[in-house]
Amino acid sequence: MVDIANRVWNRQWKIDPIVRSLIDTDFYKLLMCQSVFRNRRDTQVTFSLINRSKSVRLAELVDEGELREQLDHIRSLSLTRGESTWLRGNTFYGKRQMFRPDFMEWFEQLRLPPYHLEKRDGQYELTFEGSWPEVMLWEIPALAVLMELRGRAVLGRMGKFELQVLYARAMTRLWEKIETLRGVEGLKIADFGTRRRHSYLWQDWCVQAMMEGLGDSFTGTSNCLIAMRRDIEAIGTNAHELPMVYAALAEDDAALARAPYQVLADWHEEHDGNLRIILPDTYGTKGFLDNAPEWLEGWTGIRIDSGDPATGAENAIAWWESRGEDPRDKLVIFSDGLDEQKIIDLHRQFSGRVRVSFGWGTLLTNDFRGLVKDDQLAPFSLVCKAVRADGRPTVKLSDNPNKAMGPADEIARYKRVFGVGDQTRQDVVV
């Protein structure tokens, strides 16, 4: 096993590029990319880095030259033969050849498009523009680079024994969380921590710890590279990006109201009825479910990613019951701001009423809270979102208005079209 602290000290990170593969990304990105490649490949999209934690002044912490070096390295990457073979031949969710030959041929030739970087008010403005399938693959590596460079800026000032103690404390903290979760009967949990991880090496260590400590309760990782190297399941379905871009392309209010369902109709066709997990909160969960077409009733489950998770699950249960479906046959995936106590509480509340699963993100792979002076390694809320599609702004409302994004006039329009009323603000943990 890698001695992470010694690696940090001896090599000063030079041996370790932050992103070392095009499949060092979330599985759902590749699934969505194939769908976009098939249905909307000519759409021109702009992605932009958004730091919700304004107190973390990234441009004052992270050297611009180092950032450019890491981003340029990512642009040099292409699929290796082994990675291509794994994607082409592996079984995902019980299906062989999940990725079609035409998509794989395109992906094997891909180099990520150029980026635009400048500083403004202590923050980096990092944007990516181009065809949707190409630029969307920048999201995860861009986030990983910024998160890790911020960490390196702090770790570079620490001594050899400081680093050993730091990682020993972080390892102990995670193992104590795992020991706590061991006692949860019927637990199903996966690693969703790529986008805001402390580092690749640390995420890999966390996954190995989960494998040993939780056994069959650990269902896999969203990180494709780690899934391949550790021979475990790659986990993921779809994300807010799809309805945000589809909605931006809508020509009128009626088309806008249909857009979230058109996404899932295309998804259903793409995957032949597999991967049928609804993500309903892009423009408000209640309105989405109230207006959902009948064919969505039979889908496998739902992912709760904003707002109060218990309320979201109760709404889903009530919706299934109102449509004549048995919630006990359905899967609810919780994936927002989880830590071990919230996982236990939600599992206790909903186990037996639905099938419960968890996607554990930032507080699995980046919990260094309180371990260094001034909490300089505490996780923060950094996102990279599609902000324009064919020149039109994108909008996200969420079930938590603190996660909303888009121009104020468009937000107001979307709230009207989707019937979103008063919402309860909640702190964005990560």
Protein backbone atom coordinates (compact mmCIF):
# COMPACT_ATOMS: atom_id res chain seq x y z
CA MET A 1 0.00 0.00 0.00
CA VAL A 2 1.24 3.49 -0.86
CA ASP A 3 2.69 5.52 2.02
CA ILE A 4 0.89 8.73 1.10
CA ALA A 5 2.62 10.96 3.64
CA ASN A 6 6.08 9.81 2.50
CA ARG A 7 5.08 10.25 -1.14
CA VAL A 8 4.00 13.82 -0.41
CA TRP A 9 7.24 14.58 1.43
CA ASN A 10 9.79 12.91 -0.83
CA ARG A 11 8.45 13.79 -4.20
CA GLN A 12 6.76 17.08 -3.57
CA TRP A 13 4.03 15.70 -5.80
CA LYS A 14 6.07 15.91 -8.97
CA ILE A 15 5.77 12.21 -9.66
CA ASP A 16 2.01 12.38 -9.28
CA PRO A 17 -0.01 14.26 -11.90
CA ILE A 18 -3.36 15.05 -10.35
CA VAL A 19 -5.36 13.54 -13.19
CA ARG A 20 -3.61 10.57 -14.75
CA SER A 21 -6.24 9.19 -17.10
CA LEU A 22 -9.33 10.25 -19.06
CA ILE A 23 -11.24 7.62 -17.08
CA ASP A 24 -10.18 9.21 -13.79
CA THR A 25 -13.72 10.54 -13.77
CA ASP A 26 -17.21 9.64 -12.61
CA PHE A 27 -18.92 6.77 -14.39
CA TYR A 28 -22.08 8.78 -14.94
CA LYS A 29 -20.08 11.28 -17.00
CA LEU A 30 -19.21 8.58 -19.53
CA LEU A 31 -22.79 7.26 -19.58
CA MET A 32 -24.13 10.76 -20.17
CA CYS A 33 -21.43 11.49 -22.72
CA GLN A 34 -22.53 8.54 -24.82
CA SER A 35 -26.14 9.71 -24.66
CA VAL A 36 -25.13 13.25 -25.64
CA PHE A 37 -22.89 11.92 -28.41
CA ARG A 38 -25.88 10.10 -29.84
CA ASN A 39 -28.58 12.75 -29.39
CA ARG A 40 -27.02 16.24 -29.12
CA ARG A 41 -23.41 16.04 -30.23
CA ASP A 42 -23.44 19.34 -32.18
CA THR A 43 -24.79 21.42 -29.29
CA GLN A 44 -22.26 24.08 -28.26
CA VAL A 45 -21.93 24.27 -24.48
CA THR A 46 -19.91 26.41 -22.07
CA PHE A 47 -18.85 25.03 -18.69
CA SER A 48 -17.65 27.32 -15.94
CA LEU A 49 -16.00 26.87 -12.56
CA ILE A 50 -18.13 28.21 -9.69
CA ASN A 51 -16.73 28.53 -6.17
CA ARG A 52 -19.71 28.71 -3.80
CA SER A 53 -17.32 29.13 -0.84
CA LYS A 54 -16.18 32.71 -1.49
CA SER A 55 -14.05 32.76 1.64
CA VAL A 56 -11.69 30.29 -0.04
CA ARG A 57 -9.75 32.59 -2.37
CA LEU A 58 -8.36 30.04 -4.78
CA ALA A 59 -6.37 32.44 -6.93
CA GLU A 60 -4.38 33.50 -3.85
CA LEU A 61 -3.75 29.91 -2.75
CA VAL A 62 -3.06 28.11 -6.02
CA ASP A 63 -0.19 29.10 -8.32
CA GLU A 64 -1.43 29.89 -11.83
CA GLY A 65 1.60 28.24 -13.46
CA GLU A 66 1.00 24.99 -11.57
CA LEU A 67 -2.67 25.09 -12.47
CA ARG A 68 -1.91 25.56 -16.16
CA GLU A 69 0.68 22.77 -16.04
CA GLN A 70 -1.90 20.34 -14.64
CA LEU A 71 -4.61 21.42 -17.10
CA ASP A 72 -2.20 21.13 -20.04
CA HIS A 73 -1.25 17.65 -18.87
CA ILE A 74 -4.93 16.63 -18.96
CA ARG A 75 -5.15 17.86 -22.55
CA SER A 76 -2.30 15.48 -23.46
CA LEU A 77 -4.16 12.40 -22.19
CA SER A 78 -5.88 9.80 -24.31
CA LEU A 79 -7.35 6.39 -23.62
CA THR A 80 -4.83 3.61 -23.17
CA ARG A 81 -5.39 0.25 -24.82
CA GLY A 82 -6.18 -1.29 -21.42
CA GLU A 83 -8.73 1.39 -20.58
CA SER A 84 -10.41 1.01 -23.95
CA THR A 85 -10.56 -2.76 -23.55
CA TRP A 86 -12.11 -2.40 -20.09
CA LEU A 87 -14.80 -0.01 -21.32
CA ARG A 88 -15.55 -2.07 -24.43
CA GLY A 89 -15.58 -5.48 -22.83
CA ASN A 90 -16.53 -5.13 -19.17
CA THR A 91 -19.98 -5.83 -17.79
CA PHE A 92 -21.67 -2.81 -16.20
CA TYR A 93 -24.96 -3.18 -14.37
CA GLY A 94 -25.27 -6.66 -15.81
CA LYS A 95 -24.90 -5.45 -19.39
CA ARG A 96 -21.99 -6.20 -21.72
CA GLN A 97 -20.91 -3.58 -24.24
CA MET A 98 -22.59 -0.75 -22.37
CA PHE A 99 -20.58 1.59 -24.57
CA ARG A 100 -21.35 1.38 -28.28
CA PRO A 101 -18.58 0.90 -30.91
CA ASP A 102 -19.19 4.31 -32.55
CA PHE A 103 -18.90 6.10 -29.22
CA MET A 104 -15.75 4.18 -28.29
CA GLU A 105 -14.13 4.98 -31.63
CA TRP A 106 -14.79 8.66 -30.98
CA PHE A 107 -13.60 8.46 -27.37
CA GLU A 108 -10.37 6.69 -28.33
CA GLN A 109 -9.44 9.62 -30.57
CA LEU A 110 -10.46 12.32 -28.11
CA ARG A 111 -8.22 15.02 -26.68
CA LEU A 112 -9.94 17.50 -24.39
CA PRO A 113 -10.50 20.94 -25.97
CA PRO A 114 -8.75 24.17 -24.89
CA TYR A 115 -9.59 25.99 -21.67
CA HIS A 116 -9.77 29.69 -20.80
CA LEU A 117 -8.27 30.82 -17.49
CA GLU A 118 -8.06 34.21 -15.80
CA LYS A 119 -8.07 35.69 -12.29
CA ARG A 120 -10.80 37.92 -10.87
CA ASP A 121 -11.35 39.07 -7.27
CA GLY A 122 -9.21 36.34 -5.73
CA GLN A 123 -10.86 33.56 -7.74
CA TYR A 124 -10.05 31.70 -10.93
CA GLU A 125 -12.43 32.03 -13.83
CA LEU A 126 -12.01 28.75 -15.67
CA THR A 127 -14.22 28.04 -18.67
CA PHE A 128 -14.48 25.39 -21.37
CA GLU A 129 -16.33 25.92 -24.65
CA GLY A 130 -17.06 23.55 -27.50
CA SER A 131 -19.21 20.65 -28.58
CA TRP A 132 -21.12 19.18 -25.68
CA PRO A 133 -19.61 15.65 -25.64
CA GLU A 134 -16.08 17.07 -25.59
CA VAL A 135 -16.38 19.88 -23.05
CA MET A 136 -18.52 17.91 -20.58
CA LEU A 137 -15.54 15.65 -19.88
CA TRP A 138 -13.63 18.61 -18.43
CA GLU A 139 -15.94 18.91 -15.39
CA ILE A 140 -14.58 16.22 -13.09
CA PRO A 141 -10.84 16.61 -13.83
CA ALA A 142 -11.09 20.40 -13.50
CA LEU A 143 -12.63 20.06 -10.05
CA ALA A 144 -10.11 17.40 -9.00
CA VAL A 145 -7.20 19.64 -10.06
CA LEU A 146 -8.40 22.71 -8.14
CA MET A 147 -9.23 20.74 -5.01
CA GLU A 148 -5.89 18.96 -4.96
CA LEU A 149 -3.78 22.02 -5.78
CA ARG A 150 -5.39 23.83 -2.87
CA GLY A 151 -4.44 20.88 -0.69
CA ARG A 152 -0.89 20.81 -2.03
CA ALA A 153 -0.48 24.50 -1.18
CA VAL A 154 -1.18 23.66 2.46
CA LEU A 155 0.72 20.35 2.61
CA GLY A 156 3.82 21.88 1.01
CA ARG A 157 4.37 23.95 4.15
CA MET A 158 4.29 20.93 6.46
CA GLY A 159 7.20 18.87 7.80
CA LYS A 160 7.78 15.15 7.34
CA PHE A 161 6.45 14.11 10.75
CA GLU A 162 3.56 16.58 10.52
CA LEU A 163 2.47 14.86 7.33
CA GLN A 164 2.75 11.40 8.90
CA VAL A 165 0.62 12.46 11.83
CA LEU A 166 -1.90 14.25 9.60
CA TYR A 167 -2.53 11.21 7.44
CA ALA A 168 -2.56 8.90 10.45
CA ARG A 169 -5.30 11.04 12.00
CA ALA A 170 -7.29 11.19 8.75
CA MET A 171 -6.99 7.42 8.31
CA THR A 172 -8.10 6.82 11.88
CA ARG A 173 -11.07 9.13 11.41
CA LEU A 174 -12.22 7.29 8.30
CA TRP A 175 -11.72 3.87 9.88
CA GLU A 176 -13.82 4.93 12.87
CA LYS A 177 -16.59 5.96 10.47
CA ILE A 178 -16.35 2.56 8.78
CA GLU A 179 -16.49 0.76 12.14
CA THR A 180 -19.62 2.74 13.01
CA LEU A 181 -21.27 1.79 9.71
CA ARG A 182 -20.39 -1.90 10.12
CA GLY A 183 -23.24 -2.22 12.56
CA VAL A 184 -25.90 -1.11 10.07
CA GLU A 185 -27.69 -4.24 8.88
CA GLY A 186 -28.45 -4.29 5.17
CA LEU A 187 -26.34 -1.21 4.40
CA LYS A 188 -25.53 -0.52 0.73
CA ILE A 189 -23.06 2.28 0.11
CA ALA A 190 -20.79 3.44 -2.73
CA ASP A 191 -17.98 5.98 -3.13
CA PHE A 192 -19.18 9.14 -4.90
CA GLY A 193 -16.21 11.26 -3.89
CA THR A 194 -14.21 11.95 -7.06
CA ARG A 195 -15.12 15.57 -7.76
CA ARG A 196 -14.09 17.04 -4.42
CA ARG A 197 -11.54 14.53 -3.19
CA HIS A 198 -8.39 15.38 -1.26
CA SER A 199 -6.30 13.60 -3.91
CA TYR A 200 -6.38 10.59 -6.20
CA LEU A 201 -4.10 8.61 -3.89
CA TRP A 202 -6.32 9.41 -0.93
CA GLN A 203 -9.53 8.46 -2.75
CA ASP A 204 -7.92 5.17 -3.75
CA TRP A 205 -6.95 4.53 -0.10
CA CYS A 206 -10.49 5.35 1.05
CA VAL A 207 -11.96 2.89 -1.45
CA GLN A 208 -9.59 0.14 -0.30
CA ALA A 209 -10.51 0.85 3.32
CA MET A 210 -14.21 0.61 2.47
CA MET A 211 -13.64 -2.67 0.61
CA GLU A 212 -11.92 -4.24 3.60
CA GLY A 213 -14.00 -2.67 6.33
CA LEU A 214 -17.50 -3.01 4.88
CA GLY A 215 -17.22 -6.05 2.64
CA ASP A 216 -20.39 -6.67 0.63
CA SER A 217 -22.03 -3.54 2.06
CA PHE A 218 -19.64 -1.53 -0.13
CA THR A 219 -21.11 -1.67 -3.62
CA GLY A 220 -18.46 0.14 -5.69
CA THR A 221 -17.09 3.51 -6.74
CA SER A 222 -18.11 6.21 -9.17
CA ASN A 223 -14.45 6.56 -10.22
CA CYS A 224 -13.84 4.54 -13.38
CA LEU A 225 -10.06 4.33 -13.02
CA ILE A 226 -10.24 3.07 -9.46
CA ALA A 227 -13.04 0.66 -10.39
CA MET A 228 -10.87 -0.78 -13.14
CA ARG A 229 -7.70 -1.04 -11.03
CA ARG A 230 -9.43 -2.44 -7.93
CA ASP A 231 -11.76 -4.73 -9.91
CA ILE A 232 -14.96 -3.41 -8.36
CA GLU A 233 -18.23 -2.06 -9.73
CA ALA A 234 -18.36 1.31 -11.45
CA ILE A 235 -21.43 3.14 -10.11
CA GLY A 236 -23.47 5.92 -11.71
CA THR A 237 -26.45 6.94 -13.81
CA ASN A 238 -27.12 10.57 -14.79
CA ALA A 239 -26.85 14.10 -13.40
CA HIS A 240 -28.40 17.59 -13.50
CA GLU A 241 -26.36 18.53 -16.55
CA LEU A 242 -28.74 16.78 -18.95
CA PRO A 243 -31.99 18.55 -17.97
CA MET A 244 -30.15 21.87 -17.61
CA VAL A 245 -28.92 21.81 -21.21
CA TYR A 246 -32.13 20.31 -22.64
CA ALA A 247 -34.12 23.03 -20.88
CA ALA A 248 -31.87 25.81 -22.17
CA LEU A 249 -32.48 24.58 -25.72
CA ALA A 250 -36.29 24.64 -25.33
CA GLU A 251 -37.95 27.06 -27.75
CA ASP A 252 -40.89 28.07 -25.55
CA ASP A 253 -42.45 27.51 -22.13
CA ALA A 254 -44.28 24.37 -23.22
CA ALA A 255 -41.07 22.80 -24.51
CA LEU A 256 -39.32 23.90 -21.33
CA ALA A 257 -41.90 22.08 -19.18
CA ARG A 258 -41.35 18.90 -21.22
CA ALA A 259 -37.54 19.07 -21.21
CA PRO A 260 -36.81 17.11 -17.98
CA TYR A 261 -39.00 14.25 -19.19
CA GLN A 262 -37.49 14.30 -22.69
CA VAL A 263 -34.10 13.73 -21.05
CA LEU A 264 -35.35 10.56 -19.41
CA ALA A 265 -37.14 9.41 -22.57
CA ASP A 266 -33.83 9.66 -24.47
CA TRP A 267 -32.08 7.94 -21.55
CA HIS A 268 -34.59 5.08 -21.59
CA GLU A 269 -34.07 4.55 -25.31
CA GLU A 270 -30.30 4.75 -24.93
CA HIS A 271 -30.09 2.07 -22.24
CA ASP A 272 -32.88 -0.29 -23.24
CA GLY A 273 -34.64 0.06 -19.90
CA ASN A 274 -31.46 -0.23 -17.78
CA LEU A 275 -30.16 2.44 -15.35
CA ARG A 276 -33.67 3.70 -14.66
CA ILE A 277 -32.96 6.05 -11.73
CA ILE A 278 -34.87 9.37 -11.67
CA LEU A 279 -33.05 12.56 -10.62
CA PRO A 280 -36.05 14.86 -10.03
CA ASP A 281 -34.74 17.94 -8.26
CA THR A 282 -33.26 20.06 -11.07
CA TYR A 283 -36.41 22.19 -11.18
CA GLY A 284 -38.06 21.07 -7.96
CA THR A 285 -38.92 17.50 -6.96
CA LYS A 286 -42.58 18.05 -6.10
CA GLY A 287 -43.50 19.60 -9.44
CA PHE A 288 -41.48 17.00 -11.32
CA LEU A 289 -43.32 14.12 -9.67
CA ASP A 290 -46.75 15.76 -9.83
CA ASN A 291 -46.46 16.16 -13.60
CA ALA A 292 -44.50 13.00 -14.39
CA PRO A 293 -45.82 10.84 -17.26
CA GLU A 294 -47.15 7.36 -16.49
CA TRP A 295 -44.16 5.56 -18.02
CA LEU A 296 -41.88 6.91 -15.26
CA GLU A 297 -43.85 5.08 -12.58
CA GLY A 298 -42.19 1.80 -13.48
CA TRP A 299 -38.63 3.10 -13.18
CA THR A 300 -36.37 1.44 -10.65
CA GLY A 301 -35.83 4.29 -8.22
CA ILE A 302 -34.89 7.86 -7.45
CA ARG A 303 -31.80 9.81 -6.35
CA ILE A 304 -32.18 12.47 -3.63
CA ASP A 305 -29.49 15.13 -4.11
CA SER A 306 -30.74 18.38 -2.55
CA GLY A 307 -33.12 19.74 0.04
CA ASP A 308 -34.04 17.79 3.15
CA PRO A 309 -33.30 14.14 2.26
CA ALA A 310 -36.03 12.68 4.46
CA THR A 311 -38.64 14.99 2.93
CA GLY A 312 -37.46 14.04 -0.56
CA ALA A 313 -37.76 10.33 0.21
CA GLU A 314 -41.21 10.77 1.78
CA ASN A 315 -42.36 12.65 -1.33
CA ALA A 316 -41.09 9.81 -3.53
CA ILE A 317 -42.85 7.17 -1.41
CA ALA A 318 -46.12 9.13 -1.51
CA TRP A 319 -45.80 9.51 -5.28
CA TRP A 320 -45.24 5.80 -5.87
CA GLU A 321 -48.18 4.94 -3.65
CA SER A 322 -50.42 7.44 -5.46
CA ARG A 323 -49.48 5.79 -8.77
CA GLY A 324 -50.20 2.26 -7.54
CA GLU A 325 -46.56 1.25 -7.16
CA ASP A 326 -45.14 -0.57 -4.13
CA PRO A 327 -42.35 1.60 -2.65
CA ARG A 328 -40.74 -1.49 -1.11
CA ASP A 329 -39.75 -2.52 -4.64
CA LYS A 330 -38.14 0.86 -5.36
CA LEU A 331 -34.62 2.15 -4.73
CA VAL A 332 -33.88 5.49 -3.04
CA ILE A 333 -30.28 6.70 -3.39
CA PHE A 334 -29.20 9.44 -0.98
CA SER A 335 -26.19 11.42 -2.21
CA ASP A 336 -26.10 14.93 -0.73
CA GLY A 337 -23.76 16.02 2.09
CA LEU A 338 -23.65 12.61 3.77
CA ASP A 339 -21.63 11.59 6.77
CA GLU A 340 -21.88 8.46 8.88
CA GLN A 341 -24.56 9.67 11.33
CA LYS A 342 -26.83 11.00 8.57
CA ILE A 343 -26.39 7.68 6.73
CA ILE A 344 -27.40 5.75 9.85
CA ASP A 345 -30.39 7.99 10.55
CA LEU A 346 -31.72 7.81 6.98
CA HIS A 347 -31.19 4.06 6.80
CA ARG A 348 -33.07 3.59 10.07
CA GLN A 349 -35.94 5.81 8.91
CA PHE A 350 -36.49 4.25 5.49
CA SER A 351 -35.21 0.68 5.64
CA GLY A 352 -38.12 -1.69 5.03
CA ARG A 353 -40.20 1.06 3.43
CA VAL A 354 -37.96 1.32 0.33
CA ARG A 355 -34.66 -0.17 -0.81
CA VAL A 356 -32.08 2.25 0.55
CA SER A 357 -28.65 3.03 -0.89
CA PHE A 358 -26.07 5.77 -0.33
CA GLY A 359 -23.58 7.59 -2.53
CA TRP A 360 -20.96 8.91 -0.06
CA GLY A 361 -19.00 11.83 -1.45
CA THR A 362 -16.87 14.60 -0.03
CA LEU A 363 -16.94 13.58 3.64
CA LEU A 364 -15.63 10.18 2.62
CA THR A 365 -12.77 11.30 0.39
CA ASN A 366 -11.94 14.72 1.81
CA ASP A 367 -12.64 14.88 5.54
CA PHE A 368 -9.61 16.67 6.97
CA ARG A 369 -11.77 19.02 9.05
CA GLY A 370 -10.00 20.33 12.13
CA LEU A 371 -6.75 18.51 11.40
CA VAL A 372 -4.59 21.52 10.43
CA LYS A 373 -4.27 25.09 11.67
CA ASP A 374 -7.15 27.40 10.72
CA ASP A 375 -8.91 24.42 9.13
CA GLN A 376 -7.07 25.04 5.87
CA LEU A 377 -7.86 21.55 4.53
CA ALA A 378 -11.59 21.63 5.23
CA PRO A 379 -13.64 20.75 2.13
CA PHE A 380 -15.43 23.55 0.34
CA SER A 381 -18.17 23.80 -2.26
CA LEU A 382 -16.62 23.99 -5.72
CA VAL A 383 -18.64 23.07 -8.81
CA CYS A 384 -18.17 23.14 -12.57
CA LYS A 385 -21.48 23.56 -14.38
CA ALA A 386 -22.84 23.99 -17.88
CA VAL A 387 -23.73 27.69 -17.95
CA ARG A 388 -24.71 28.18 -21.64
CA ALA A 389 -26.02 25.96 -24.41
CA ASP A 390 -26.09 27.28 -27.98
CA GLY A 391 -25.71 30.76 -26.52
CA ARG A 392 -28.64 30.44 -24.08
CA PRO A 393 -28.15 30.52 -20.30
CA THR A 394 -28.77 27.40 -18.26
CA VAL A 395 -30.73 27.35 -15.01
CA LYS A 396 -30.81 25.09 -11.99
CA LEU A 397 -33.39 25.61 -9.26
CA SER A 398 -32.75 22.60 -6.99
CA ASP A 399 -34.74 21.77 -3.86
CA ASN A 400 -32.33 24.02 -1.98
CA PRO A 401 -32.36 27.62 -3.27
CA ASN A 402 -28.76 28.03 -2.06
CA LYS A 403 -27.80 25.69 -4.91
CA ALA A 404 -29.77 27.60 -7.56
CA MET A 405 -27.87 29.07 -10.50
CA GLY A 406 -28.65 31.14 -13.58
CA PRO A 407 -29.70 34.73 -14.46
CA ALA A 408 -32.33 36.15 -12.11
CA ASP A 409 -34.93 36.72 -14.88
CA GLU A 410 -34.52 33.15 -16.14
CA ILE A 411 -34.74 31.74 -12.62
CA ALA A 412 -38.04 33.61 -12.18
CA ARG A 413 -39.30 32.22 -15.51
CA TYR A 414 -38.33 28.65 -14.64
CA LYS A 415 -40.02 28.94 -11.22
CA ARG A 416 -43.21 30.05 -12.99
CA VAL A 417 -43.08 27.29 -15.62
CA PHE A 418 -42.31 24.55 -13.10
CA GLY A 419 -44.59 25.87 -10.37
CA VAL A 420 -41.86 26.21 -7.76
CA GLY A 421 -43.13 28.09 -4.73
CA ASP A 422 -41.41 28.96 -1.47
CA GLN A 423 -38.36 26.83 -0.69
CA THR A 424 -36.42 26.24 2.52
CA ARG A 425 -32.81 27.35 2.41
CA GLN A 426 -30.26 24.88 3.72
CA ASP A 427 -26.54 25.27 4.23
CA VAL A 428 -24.51 23.78 1.40
CA VAL A 429 -22.13 21.50 3.26
CA VAL A 430 -20.05 20.46 0.24
